[in-house]
PDB file of all heavy atoms in Angstrom:
ATOM      1  N   ILE A   1     -19.203 -11.678 -19.833  1.00  0.00           N
ATOM      2  CA  ILE A   1     -18.373 -12.816 -19.404  1.00  0.00           C
ATOM      3  C   ILE A   1     -17.172 -12.310 -18.679  1.00  0.00           C
ATOM      4  O   ILE A   1     -16.637 -11.248 -19.013  1.00  0.00           O
ATOM      5  CB  ILE A   1     -17.983 -13.738 -20.598  1.00  0.00           C
ATOM      6  CG1 ILE A   1     -17.259 -12.968 -21.703  1.00  0.00           C
ATOM      7  CG2 ILE A   1     -19.216 -14.465 -21.139  1.00  0.00           C
ATOM      8  CD1 ILE A   1     -16.722 -13.874 -22.811  1.00  0.00           C
ATOM      9  N   TRP A   2     -16.750 -13.062 -17.630  1.00  0.00           N
ATOM     10  CA  TRP A   2     -15.677 -12.564 -16.741  1.00  0.00           C
ATOM     11  C   TRP A   2     -14.925 -13.723 -16.160  1.00  0.00           C
ATOM     12  O   TRP A   2     -15.429 -14.805 -16.048  1.00  0.00           O
ATOM     13  CB  TRP A   2     -16.337 -11.720 -15.639  1.00  0.00           C
ATOM     14  CG  TRP A   2     -15.368 -10.793 -14.966  1.00  0.00           C
ATOM     15  CD1 TRP A   2     -14.725 -11.033 -13.760  1.00  0.00           C
ATOM     16  CD2 TRP A   2     -14.964  -9.493 -15.375  1.00  0.00           C
ATOM     17  NE1 TRP A   2     -13.936  -9.962 -13.439  1.00  0.00           N
ATOM     18  CE2 TRP A   2     -14.065  -8.990 -14.429  1.00  0.00           C
ATOM     19  CE3 TRP A   2     -15.244  -8.717 -16.495  1.00  0.00           C
ATOM     20  CZ2 TRP A   2     -13.467  -7.757 -14.539  1.00  0.00           C
ATOM     21  CZ3 TRP A   2     -14.657  -7.503 -16.601  1.00  0.00           C
ATOM     22  CH2 TRP A   2     -13.774  -7.027 -15.631  1.00  0.00           C
ATOM     23  N   THR A   3     -13.724 -13.444 -15.713  1.00  0.00           N
ATOM     24  CA  THR A   3     -12.917 -14.426 -15.014  1.00  0.00           C
ATOM     25  C   THR A   3     -13.618 -14.866 -13.749  1.00  0.00           C
ATOM     26  O   THR A   3     -14.292 -14.072 -13.073  1.00  0.00           O
ATOM     27  CB  THR A   3     -11.545 -13.785 -14.597  1.00  0.00           C
ATOM     28  OG1 THR A   3     -10.933 -13.314 -15.811  1.00  0.00           O
ATOM     29  CG2 THR A   3     -10.653 -14.755 -13.904  1.00  0.00           C
ATOM     30  N   ASP A   4     -13.519 -16.141 -13.394  1.00  0.00           N
ATOM     31  CA  ASP A   4     -14.115 -16.666 -12.166  1.00  0.00           C
ATOM     32  C   ASP A   4     -13.416 -16.065 -10.970  1.00  0.00           C
ATOM     33  O   ASP A   4     -12.299 -16.430 -10.659  1.00  0.00           O
ATOM     34  CB  ASP A   4     -14.040 -18.205 -12.136  1.00  0.00           C
ATOM     35  CG  ASP A   4     -14.763 -18.811 -10.942  1.00  0.00           C
ATOM     36  OD1 ASP A   4     -15.330 -18.056 -10.132  1.00  0.00           O
ATOM     37  OD2 ASP A   4     -14.732 -20.033 -10.830  1.00  0.00           O
ATOM     38  N   ASN A   5     -14.089 -15.115 -10.316  1.00  0.00           N
ATOM     39  CA  ASN A   5     -13.512 -14.495  -9.123  1.00  0.00           C
ATOM     40  C   ASN A   5     -14.336 -14.768  -7.860  1.00  0.00           C
ATOM     41  O   ASN A   5     -14.165 -14.129  -6.861  1.00  0.00           O
ATOM     42  CB  ASN A   5     -13.370 -12.994  -9.341  1.00  0.00           C
ATOM     43  CG  ASN A   5     -14.693 -12.310  -9.685  1.00  0.00           C
ATOM     44  OD1 ASN A   5     -15.743 -12.948  -9.657  1.00  0.00           O
ATOM     45  ND2 ASN A   5     -14.646 -11.070 -10.086  1.00  0.00           N
ATOM     46  N   GLY A   6     -15.255 -15.762  -7.984  1.00  0.00           N
ATOM     47  CA  GLY A   6     -16.014 -16.210  -6.811  1.00  0.00           C
ATOM     48  C   GLY A   6     -17.197 -15.367  -6.440  1.00  0.00           C
ATOM     49  O   GLY A   6     -17.808 -15.597  -5.406  1.00  0.00           O
ATOM     50  N   THR A   7     -17.562 -14.383  -7.245  1.00  0.00           N
ATOM     51  CA  THR A   7     -18.679 -13.509  -6.908  1.00  0.00           C
ATOM     52  C   THR A   7     -19.988 -14.189  -7.247  1.00  0.00           C
ATOM     53  O   THR A   7     -20.099 -15.007  -8.159  1.00  0.00           O
ATOM     54  CB  THR A   7     -18.590 -12.159  -7.645  1.00  0.00           C
ATOM     55  OG1 THR A   7     -18.529 -12.411  -9.055  1.00  0.00           O
ATOM     56  CG2 THR A   7     -17.355 -11.377  -7.193  1.00  0.00           C
ATOM     57  N   SER A   8     -21.062 -13.832  -6.510  1.00  0.00           N
ATOM     58  CA  SER A   8     -22.346 -14.514  -6.632  1.00  0.00           C
ATOM     59  C   SER A   8     -23.095 -14.140  -7.901  1.00  0.00           C
ATOM     60  O   SER A   8     -24.050 -14.787  -8.240  1.00  0.00           O
ATOM     61  CB  SER A   8     -23.202 -14.283  -5.406  1.00  0.00           C
ATOM     62  OG  SER A   8     -23.436 -12.882  -5.229  1.00  0.00           O
ATOM     63  N   ASP A   9     -22.660 -13.082  -8.624  1.00  0.00           N
ATOM     64  CA  ASP A   9     -23.304 -12.759  -9.872  1.00  0.00           C
ATOM     65  C   ASP A   9     -23.035 -13.773 -10.959  1.00  0.00           C
ATOM     66  O   ASP A   9     -23.636 -13.788 -12.014  1.00  0.00           O
ATOM     67  CB  ASP A   9     -22.943 -11.362 -10.365  1.00  0.00           C
ATOM     68  CG  ASP A   9     -21.488 -11.230 -10.754  1.00  0.00           C
ATOM     69  OD1 ASP A   9     -20.614 -11.425  -9.857  1.00  0.00           O
ATOM     70  OD2 ASP A   9     -21.224 -10.958 -11.910  1.00  0.00           O
ATOM     71  N   HIS A  10     -22.076 -14.677 -10.716  1.00  0.00           N
ATOM     72  CA  HIS A  10     -21.774 -15.745 -11.649  1.00  0.00           C
ATOM     73  C   HIS A  10     -22.601 -16.984 -11.421  1.00  0.00           C
ATOM     74  O   HIS A  10     -22.433 -17.987 -12.124  1.00  0.00           O
ATOM     75  CB  HIS A  10     -20.256 -16.129 -11.508  1.00  0.00           C
ATOM     76  CG  HIS A  10     -19.336 -15.061 -11.999  1.00  0.00           C
ATOM     77  ND1 HIS A  10     -18.058 -14.978 -11.552  1.00  0.00           N
ATOM     78  CD2 HIS A  10     -19.483 -14.065 -12.857  1.00  0.00           C
ATOM     79  CE1 HIS A  10     -17.443 -13.956 -12.133  1.00  0.00           C
ATOM     80  NE2 HIS A  10     -18.297 -13.397 -12.935  1.00  0.00           N
ATOM     81  N   LEU A  11     -23.483 -16.935 -10.444  1.00  0.00           N
ATOM     82  CA  LEU A  11     -24.332 -18.097 -10.133  1.00  0.00           C
ATOM     83  C   LEU A  11     -25.728 -17.893 -10.781  1.00  0.00           C
ATOM     84  O   LEU A  11     -26.359 -16.851 -10.640  1.00  0.00           O
ATOM     85  CB  LEU A  11     -24.460 -18.228  -8.640  1.00  0.00           C
ATOM     86  CG  LEU A  11     -23.150 -18.434  -7.906  1.00  0.00           C
ATOM     87  CD1 LEU A  11     -23.410 -18.516  -6.401  1.00  0.00           C
ATOM     88  CD2 LEU A  11     -22.413 -19.653  -8.405  1.00  0.00           C
ATOM     89  N   TRP A  12     -26.184 -18.972 -11.434  1.00  0.00           N
ATOM     90  CA  TRP A  12     -27.428 -18.931 -12.149  1.00  0.00           C
ATOM     91  C   TRP A  12     -28.278 -20.166 -11.820  1.00  0.00           C
ATOM     92  O   TRP A  12     -27.740 -21.210 -11.495  1.00  0.00           O
ATOM     93  CB  TRP A  12     -27.199 -18.896 -13.675  1.00  0.00           C
ATOM     94  CG  TRP A  12     -26.384 -17.707 -14.076  1.00  0.00           C
ATOM     95  CD1 TRP A  12     -25.026 -17.622 -14.120  1.00  0.00           C
ATOM     96  CD2 TRP A  12     -26.871 -16.461 -14.512  1.00  0.00           C
ATOM     97  NE1 TRP A  12     -24.643 -16.368 -14.552  1.00  0.00           N
ATOM     98  CE2 TRP A  12     -25.758 -15.659 -14.804  1.00  0.00           C
ATOM     99  CE3 TRP A  12     -28.160 -15.938 -14.670  1.00  0.00           C
ATOM    100  CZ2 TRP A  12     -25.884 -14.343 -15.233  1.00  0.00           C
ATOM    101  CZ3 TRP A  12     -28.288 -14.626 -15.131  1.00  0.00           C
ATOM    102  CH2 TRP A  12     -27.148 -13.835 -15.395  1.00  0.00           C
ATOM    103  N   GLN A  13     -29.566 -20.018 -11.937  1.00  0.00           N
ATOM    104  CA  GLN A  13     -30.463 -21.137 -11.739  1.00  0.00           C
ATOM    105  C   GLN A  13     -31.393 -21.271 -12.936  1.00  0.00           C
ATOM    106  O   GLN A  13     -31.933 -20.265 -13.409  1.00  0.00           O
ATOM    107  CB  GLN A  13     -31.325 -20.872 -10.480  1.00  0.00           C
ATOM    108  CG  GLN A  13     -32.287 -21.980 -10.144  1.00  0.00           C
ATOM    109  CD  GLN A  13     -33.022 -21.688  -8.830  1.00  0.00           C
ATOM    110  OE1 GLN A  13     -32.464 -21.062  -7.953  1.00  0.00           O
ATOM    111  NE2 GLN A  13     -34.210 -22.182  -8.704  1.00  0.00           N
ATOM    112  N   LEU A  14     -31.519 -22.506 -13.449  1.00  0.00           N
ATOM    113  CA  LEU A  14     -32.452 -22.741 -14.561  1.00  0.00           C
ATOM    114  C   LEU A  14     -33.793 -23.075 -13.962  1.00  0.00           C
ATOM    115  O   LEU A  14     -33.926 -23.956 -13.133  1.00  0.00           O
ATOM    116  CB  LEU A  14     -31.969 -23.919 -15.407  1.00  0.00           C
ATOM    117  CG  LEU A  14     -30.611 -23.721 -16.140  1.00  0.00           C
ATOM    118  CD1 LEU A  14     -30.244 -25.006 -16.895  1.00  0.00           C
ATOM    119  CD2 LEU A  14     -30.670 -22.551 -17.089  1.00  0.00           C
ATOM    120  N   VAL A  15     -34.818 -22.299 -14.383  1.00  0.00           N
ATOM    121  CA  VAL A  15     -36.182 -22.471 -13.889  1.00  0.00           C
ATOM    122  C   VAL A  15     -37.023 -22.950 -15.073  1.00  0.00           C
ATOM    123  O   VAL A  15     -37.159 -22.228 -16.067  1.00  0.00           O
ATOM    124  CB  VAL A  15     -36.731 -21.192 -13.307  1.00  0.00           C
ATOM    125  CG1 VAL A  15     -38.175 -21.348 -12.836  1.00  0.00           C
ATOM    126  CG2 VAL A  15     -35.830 -20.646 -12.218  1.00  0.00           C
ATOM    127  N   SER A  16     -37.591 -24.150 -14.941  1.00  0.00           N
ATOM    128  CA  SER A  16     -38.375 -24.695 -16.060  1.00  0.00           C
ATOM    129  C   SER A  16     -39.587 -23.826 -16.303  1.00  0.00           C
ATOM    130  O   SER A  16     -40.314 -23.471 -15.381  1.00  0.00           O
ATOM    131  CB  SER A  16     -38.819 -26.126 -15.765  1.00  0.00           C
ATOM    132  OG  SER A  16     -39.627 -26.601 -16.804  1.00  0.00           O
ATOM    133  N   ALA A  17     -39.810 -23.497 -17.572  1.00  0.00           N
ATOM    134  CA  ALA A  17     -41.021 -22.788 -18.022  1.00  0.00           C
ATOM    135  C   ALA A  17     -41.920 -23.709 -18.802  1.00  0.00           C
ATOM    136  O   ALA A  17     -42.901 -23.280 -19.402  1.00  0.00           O
ATOM    137  CB  ALA A  17     -40.634 -21.563 -18.839  1.00  0.00           C
ATOM    138  N   GLY A  18     -41.583 -25.008 -18.822  1.00  0.00           N
ATOM    139  CA  GLY A  18     -42.336 -26.028 -19.548  1.00  0.00           C
ATOM    140  C   GLY A  18     -41.927 -26.076 -21.021  1.00  0.00           C
ATOM    141  O   GLY A  18     -41.247 -25.196 -21.520  1.00  0.00           O
ATOM    142  N   SER A  19     -42.271 -27.181 -21.664  1.00  0.00           N
ATOM    143  CA  SER A  19     -42.027 -27.392 -23.086  1.00  0.00           C
ATOM    144  C   SER A  19     -40.549 -27.291 -23.444  1.00  0.00           C
ATOM    145  O   SER A  19     -40.201 -26.839 -24.557  1.00  0.00           O
ATOM    146  CB  SER A  19     -42.838 -26.408 -23.972  1.00  0.00           C
ATOM    147  OG  SER A  19     -44.208 -26.567 -23.706  1.00  0.00           O
ATOM    148  N   GLY A  20     -39.640 -27.630 -22.520  1.00  0.00           N
ATOM    149  CA  GLY A  20     -38.212 -27.583 -22.802  1.00  0.00           C
ATOM    150  C   GLY A  20     -37.615 -26.189 -22.786  1.00  0.00           C
ATOM    151  O   GLY A  20     -36.473 -26.008 -23.175  1.00  0.00           O
ATOM    152  N   GLU A  21     -38.380 -25.229 -22.306  1.00  0.00           N
ATOM    153  CA  GLU A  21     -37.889 -23.857 -22.192  1.00  0.00           C
ATOM    154  C   GLU A  21     -37.565 -23.565 -20.746  1.00  0.00           C
ATOM    155  O   GLU A  21     -38.170 -24.085 -19.833  1.00  0.00           O
ATOM    156  CB  GLU A  21     -38.941 -22.861 -22.724  1.00  0.00           C
ATOM    157  CG  GLU A  21     -39.238 -23.062 -24.177  1.00  0.00           C
ATOM    158  CD  GLU A  21     -40.364 -22.162 -24.674  1.00  0.00           C
ATOM    159  OE1 GLU A  21     -41.203 -21.714 -23.880  1.00  0.00           O
ATOM    160  OE2 GLU A  21     -40.441 -21.946 -25.893  1.00  0.00           O
ATOM    161  N   TYR A  22     -36.570 -22.621 -20.568  1.00  0.00           N
ATOM    162  CA  TYR A  22     -36.123 -22.270 -19.233  1.00  0.00           C
ATOM    163  C   TYR A  22     -36.006 -20.774 -19.077  1.00  0.00           C
ATOM    164  O   TYR A  22     -35.704 -20.063 -20.050  1.00  0.00           O
ATOM    165  CB  TYR A  22     -34.754 -22.898 -18.961  1.00  0.00           C
ATOM    166  CG  TYR A  22     -34.787 -24.386 -18.882  1.00  0.00           C
ATOM    167  CD1 TYR A  22     -34.607 -25.138 -20.059  1.00  0.00           C
ATOM    168  CD2 TYR A  22     -35.029 -25.038 -17.702  1.00  0.00           C
ATOM    169  CE1 TYR A  22     -34.664 -26.527 -20.027  1.00  0.00           C
ATOM    170  CE2 TYR A  22     -35.064 -26.405 -17.663  1.00  0.00           C
ATOM    171  CZ  TYR A  22     -34.896 -27.141 -18.817  1.00  0.00           C
ATOM    172  OH  TYR A  22     -34.968 -28.508 -18.759  1.00  0.00           O
ATOM    173  N   LYS A  23     -36.210 -20.291 -17.889  1.00  0.00           N
ATOM    174  CA  LYS A  23     -35.840 -18.942 -17.474  1.00  0.00           C
ATOM    175  C   LYS A  23     -34.499 -19.091 -16.780  1.00  0.00           C
ATOM    176  O   LYS A  23     -34.284 -20.030 -16.018  1.00  0.00           O
ATOM    177  CB  LYS A  23     -36.879 -18.354 -16.537  1.00  0.00           C
ATOM    178  CG  LYS A  23     -38.247 -18.211 -17.151  1.00  0.00           C
ATOM    179  CD  LYS A  23     -39.259 -17.696 -16.177  1.00  0.00           C
ATOM    180  CE  LYS A  23     -40.644 -17.624 -16.817  1.00  0.00           C
ATOM    181  NZ  LYS A  23     -41.635 -17.122 -15.838  1.00  0.00           N
ATOM    182  N   ILE A  24     -33.569 -18.184 -17.049  1.00  0.00           N
ATOM    183  CA  ILE A  24     -32.249 -18.239 -16.410  1.00  0.00           C
ATOM    184  C   ILE A  24     -32.204 -17.133 -15.378  1.00  0.00           C
ATOM    185  O   ILE A  24     -32.156 -15.930 -15.706  1.00  0.00           O
ATOM    186  CB  ILE A  24     -31.142 -18.106 -17.454  1.00  0.00           C
ATOM    187  CG1 ILE A  24     -31.279 -19.214 -18.520  1.00  0.00           C
ATOM    188  CG2 ILE A  24     -29.757 -18.173 -16.773  1.00  0.00           C
ATOM    189  CD1 ILE A  24     -30.307 -19.090 -19.666  1.00  0.00           C
ATOM    190  N   GLU A  25     -32.233 -17.510 -14.103  1.00  0.00           N
ATOM    191  CA  GLU A  25     -32.310 -16.582 -12.984  1.00  0.00           C
ATOM    192  C   GLU A  25     -30.946 -16.343 -12.356  1.00  0.00           C
ATOM    193  O   GLU A  25     -30.235 -17.304 -12.011  1.00  0.00           O
ATOM    194  CB  GLU A  25     -33.293 -17.068 -11.946  1.00  0.00           C
ATOM    195  CG  GLU A  25     -33.448 -16.148 -10.743  1.00  0.00           C
ATOM    196  CD  GLU A  25     -34.425 -16.708  -9.725  1.00  0.00           C
ATOM    197  OE1 GLU A  25     -35.469 -17.259 -10.143  1.00  0.00           O
ATOM    198  OE2 GLU A  25     -34.118 -16.627  -8.547  1.00  0.00           O
ATOM    199  N   ASN A  26     -30.556 -15.082 -12.201  1.00  0.00           N
ATOM    200  CA  ASN A  26     -29.317 -14.766 -11.517  1.00  0.00           C
ATOM    201  C   ASN A  26     -29.523 -14.911 -10.006  1.00  0.00           C
ATOM    202  O   ASN A  26     -30.438 -14.314  -9.431  1.00  0.00           O
ATOM    203  CB  ASN A  26     -28.849 -13.357 -11.863  1.00  0.00           C
ATOM    204  CG  ASN A  26     -27.487 -13.038 -11.300  1.00  0.00           C
ATOM    205  OD1 ASN A  26     -27.389 -12.554 -10.155  1.00  0.00           O
ATOM    206  ND2 ASN A  26     -26.449 -13.341 -12.035  1.00  0.00           N
ATOM    207  N   VAL A  27     -28.697 -15.736  -9.365  1.00  0.00           N
ATOM    208  CA  VAL A  27     -28.848 -16.003  -7.941  1.00  0.00           C
ATOM    209  C   VAL A  27     -28.632 -14.754  -7.131  1.00  0.00           C
ATOM    210  O   VAL A  27     -29.326 -14.482  -6.148  1.00  0.00           O
ATOM    211  CB  VAL A  27     -27.882 -17.124  -7.496  1.00  0.00           C
ATOM    212  CG1 VAL A  27     -27.858 -17.279  -5.981  1.00  0.00           C
ATOM    213  CG2 VAL A  27     -28.303 -18.452  -8.199  1.00  0.00           C
ATOM    214  N   ASN A  28     -27.716 -13.901  -7.523  1.00  0.00           N
ATOM    215  CA  ASN A  28     -27.378 -12.675  -6.808  1.00  0.00           C
ATOM    216  C   ASN A  28     -28.515 -11.682  -6.778  1.00  0.00           C
ATOM    217  O   ASN A  28     -28.830 -11.094  -5.768  1.00  0.00           O
ATOM    218  CB  ASN A  28     -26.103 -12.044  -7.388  1.00  0.00           C
ATOM    219  CG  ASN A  28     -25.588 -10.873  -6.603  1.00  0.00           C
ATOM    220  OD1 ASN A  28     -25.387 -10.981  -5.384  1.00  0.00           O
ATOM    221  ND2 ASN A  28     -25.348  -9.771  -7.251  1.00  0.00           N
ATOM    222  N   SER A  29     -29.170 -11.500  -7.913  1.00  0.00           N
ATOM    223  CA  SER A  29     -30.178 -10.444  -8.034  1.00  0.00           C
ATOM    224  C   SER A  29     -31.621 -10.979  -8.032  1.00  0.00           C
ATOM    225  O   SER A  29     -32.556 -10.235  -7.752  1.00  0.00           O
ATOM    226  CB  SER A  29     -29.992  -9.674  -9.350  1.00  0.00           C
ATOM    227  OG  SER A  29     -30.249 -10.531 -10.457  1.00  0.00           O
ATOM    228  N   GLY A  30     -31.799 -12.269  -8.378  1.00  0.00           N
ATOM    229  CA  GLY A  30     -33.149 -12.834  -8.504  1.00  0.00           C
ATOM    230  C   GLY A  30     -33.827 -12.430  -9.810  1.00  0.00           C
ATOM    231  O   GLY A  30     -35.010 -12.707 -10.005  1.00  0.00           O
ATOM    232  N   LEU A  31     -33.096 -11.761 -10.704  1.00  0.00           N
ATOM    233  CA  LEU A  31     -33.657 -11.304 -11.979  1.00  0.00           C
ATOM    234  C   LEU A  31     -33.304 -12.274 -13.076  1.00  0.00           C
ATOM    235  O   LEU A  31     -32.409 -13.108 -12.960  1.00  0.00           O
ATOM    236  CB  LEU A  31     -33.112  -9.901 -12.292  1.00  0.00           C
ATOM    237  CG  LEU A  31     -33.475  -8.809 -11.260  1.00  0.00           C
ATOM    238  CD1 LEU A  31     -32.767  -7.517 -11.581  1.00  0.00           C
ATOM    239  CD2 LEU A  31     -34.987  -8.611 -11.185  1.00  0.00           C
ATOM    240  N   LEU A  32     -34.064 -12.183 -14.191  1.00  0.00           N
ATOM    241  CA  LEU A  32     -33.899 -13.125 -15.295  1.00  0.00           C
ATOM    242  C   LEU A  32     -33.053 -12.581 -16.417  1.00  0.00           C
ATOM    243  O   LEU A  32     -33.066 -11.361 -16.726  1.00  0.00           O
ATOM    244  CB  LEU A  32     -35.291 -13.445 -15.904  1.00  0.00           C
ATOM    245  CG  LEU A  32     -36.322 -14.054 -14.943  1.00  0.00           C
ATOM    246  CD1 LEU A  32     -37.620 -14.285 -15.663  1.00  0.00           C
ATOM    247  CD2 LEU A  32     -35.788 -15.318 -14.274  1.00  0.00           C
ATOM    248  N   LEU A  33     -32.347 -13.494 -17.088  1.00  0.00           N
ATOM    249  CA  LEU A  33     -31.600 -13.137 -18.291  1.00  0.00           C
ATOM    250  C   LEU A  33     -32.551 -12.865 -19.406  1.00  0.00           C
ATOM    251  O   LEU A  33     -33.449 -13.661 -19.686  1.00  0.00           O
ATOM    252  CB  LEU A  33     -30.648 -14.290 -18.614  1.00  0.00           C
ATOM    253  CG  LEU A  33     -29.489 -14.012 -19.585  1.00  0.00           C
ATOM    254  CD1 LEU A  33     -28.536 -13.019 -18.934  1.00  0.00           C
ATOM    255  CD2 LEU A  33     -28.781 -15.306 -19.892  1.00  0.00           C
ATOM    256  N   GLY A  34     -32.397 -11.730 -20.065  1.00  0.00           N
ATOM    257  CA  GLY A  34     -33.270 -11.360 -21.174  1.00  0.00           C
ATOM    258  C   GLY A  34     -32.547 -10.505 -22.215  1.00  0.00           C
ATOM    259  O   GLY A  34     -31.330 -10.328 -22.099  1.00  0.00           O
ATOM    260  N   ILE A  35     -33.283 -10.028 -23.160  1.00  0.00           N
ATOM    261  CA  ILE A  35     -32.739  -9.235 -24.257  1.00  0.00           C
ATOM    262  C   ILE A  35     -33.345  -7.843 -24.259  1.00  0.00           C
ATOM    263  O   ILE A  35     -34.554  -7.677 -24.107  1.00  0.00           O
ATOM    264  CB  ILE A  35     -33.030  -9.923 -25.608  1.00  0.00           C
ATOM    265  CG1 ILE A  35     -32.619 -11.391 -25.624  1.00  0.00           C
ATOM    266  CG2 ILE A  35     -32.411  -9.157 -26.776  1.00  0.00           C
ATOM    267  CD1 ILE A  35     -31.155 -11.621 -25.429  1.00  0.00           C
ATOM    268  N   THR A  36     -32.510  -6.828 -24.389  1.00  0.00           N
ATOM    269  CA  THR A  36     -32.975  -5.456 -24.402  1.00  0.00           C
ATOM    270  C   THR A  36     -34.119  -5.252 -25.348  1.00  0.00           C
ATOM    271  O   THR A  36     -34.035  -5.607 -26.527  1.00  0.00           O
ATOM    272  CB  THR A  36     -31.797  -4.479 -24.755  1.00  0.00           C
ATOM    273  OG1 THR A  36     -30.778  -4.614 -23.791  1.00  0.00           O
ATOM    274  CG2 THR A  36     -32.284  -3.023 -24.814  1.00  0.00           C
ATOM    275  N   ASN A  37     -35.205  -4.693 -24.858  1.00  0.00           N
ATOM    276  CA  ASN A  37     -36.400  -4.379 -25.647  1.00  0.00           C
ATOM    277  C   ASN A  37     -36.962  -5.594 -26.393  1.00  0.00           C
ATOM    278  O   ASN A  37     -37.596  -5.439 -27.426  1.00  0.00           O
ATOM    279  CB  ASN A  37     -36.145  -3.223 -26.620  1.00  0.00           C
ATOM    280  CG  ASN A  37     -35.784  -1.951 -25.895  1.00  0.00           C
ATOM    281  OD1 ASN A  37     -36.372  -1.628 -24.865  1.00  0.00           O
ATOM    282  ND2 ASN A  37     -34.798  -1.237 -26.406  1.00  0.00           N
ATOM    283  N   ALA A  38     -36.680  -6.808 -25.883  1.00  0.00           N
ATOM    284  CA  ALA A  38     -37.138  -8.053 -26.523  1.00  0.00           C
ATOM    285  C   ALA A  38     -36.701  -8.113 -27.977  1.00  0.00           C
ATOM    286  O   ALA A  38     -37.362  -8.705 -28.788  1.00  0.00           O
ATOM    287  CB  ALA A  38     -38.632  -8.230 -26.382  1.00  0.00           C
ATOM    288  N   SER A  39     -35.572  -7.532 -28.283  1.00  0.00           N
ATOM    289  CA  SER A  39     -35.062  -7.487 -29.643  1.00  0.00           C
ATOM    290  C   SER A  39     -34.807  -8.897 -30.196  1.00  0.00           C
ATOM    291  O   SER A  39     -34.432  -9.809 -29.485  1.00  0.00           O
ATOM    292  CB  SER A  39     -33.743  -6.681 -29.700  1.00  0.00           C
ATOM    293  OG  SER A  39     -33.208  -6.740 -31.009  1.00  0.00           O
ATOM    294  N   LYS A  40     -34.995  -9.044 -31.505  1.00  0.00           N
ATOM    295  CA  LYS A  40     -34.706 -10.283 -32.225  1.00  0.00           C
ATOM    296  C   LYS A  40     -33.546 -10.103 -33.175  1.00  0.00           C
ATOM    297  O   LYS A  40     -33.307 -10.982 -34.021  1.00  0.00           O
ATOM    298  CB  LYS A  40     -35.972 -10.744 -32.956  1.00  0.00           C
ATOM    299  CG  LYS A  40     -37.101 -11.075 -32.001  1.00  0.00           C
ATOM    300  CD  LYS A  40     -38.328 -11.516 -32.755  1.00  0.00           C
ATOM    301  CE  LYS A  40     -39.463 -11.773 -31.759  1.00  0.00           C
ATOM    302  NZ  LYS A  40     -40.701 -12.141 -32.432  1.00  0.00           N
ATOM    303  N   SER A  41     -32.795  -9.026 -33.039  1.00  0.00           N
ATOM    304  CA  SER A  41     -31.690  -8.707 -33.931  1.00  0.00           C
ATOM    305  C   SER A  41     -30.367  -9.269 -33.409  1.00  0.00           C
ATOM    306  O   SER A  41     -30.106  -9.255 -32.203  1.00  0.00           O
ATOM    307  CB  SER A  41     -31.560  -7.195 -34.084  1.00  0.00           C
ATOM    308  OG  SER A  41     -32.769  -6.654 -34.608  1.00  0.00           O
ATOM    309  N   SER A  42     -29.524  -9.698 -34.311  1.00  0.00           N
ATOM    310  CA  SER A  42     -28.168 -10.132 -33.943  1.00  0.00           C
ATOM    311  C   SER A  42     -27.453  -8.961 -33.296  1.00  0.00           C
ATOM    312  O   SER A  42     -27.573  -7.801 -33.738  1.00  0.00           O
ATOM    313  CB  SER A  42     -27.378 -10.554 -35.192  1.00  0.00           C
ATOM    314  OG  SER A  42     -27.928 -11.735 -35.719  1.00  0.00           O
TER     315      SER A  42
END
């Protein structure tokens, strides 16, 4: 999380994956928000 400085890495797009689930795509990189090694740990 960062101060709003106008950079494009702060822009995201919600992409429906169906069933009320979404992929969160970074507009700057085109990559998805995920968790390291698909971890389920806090």
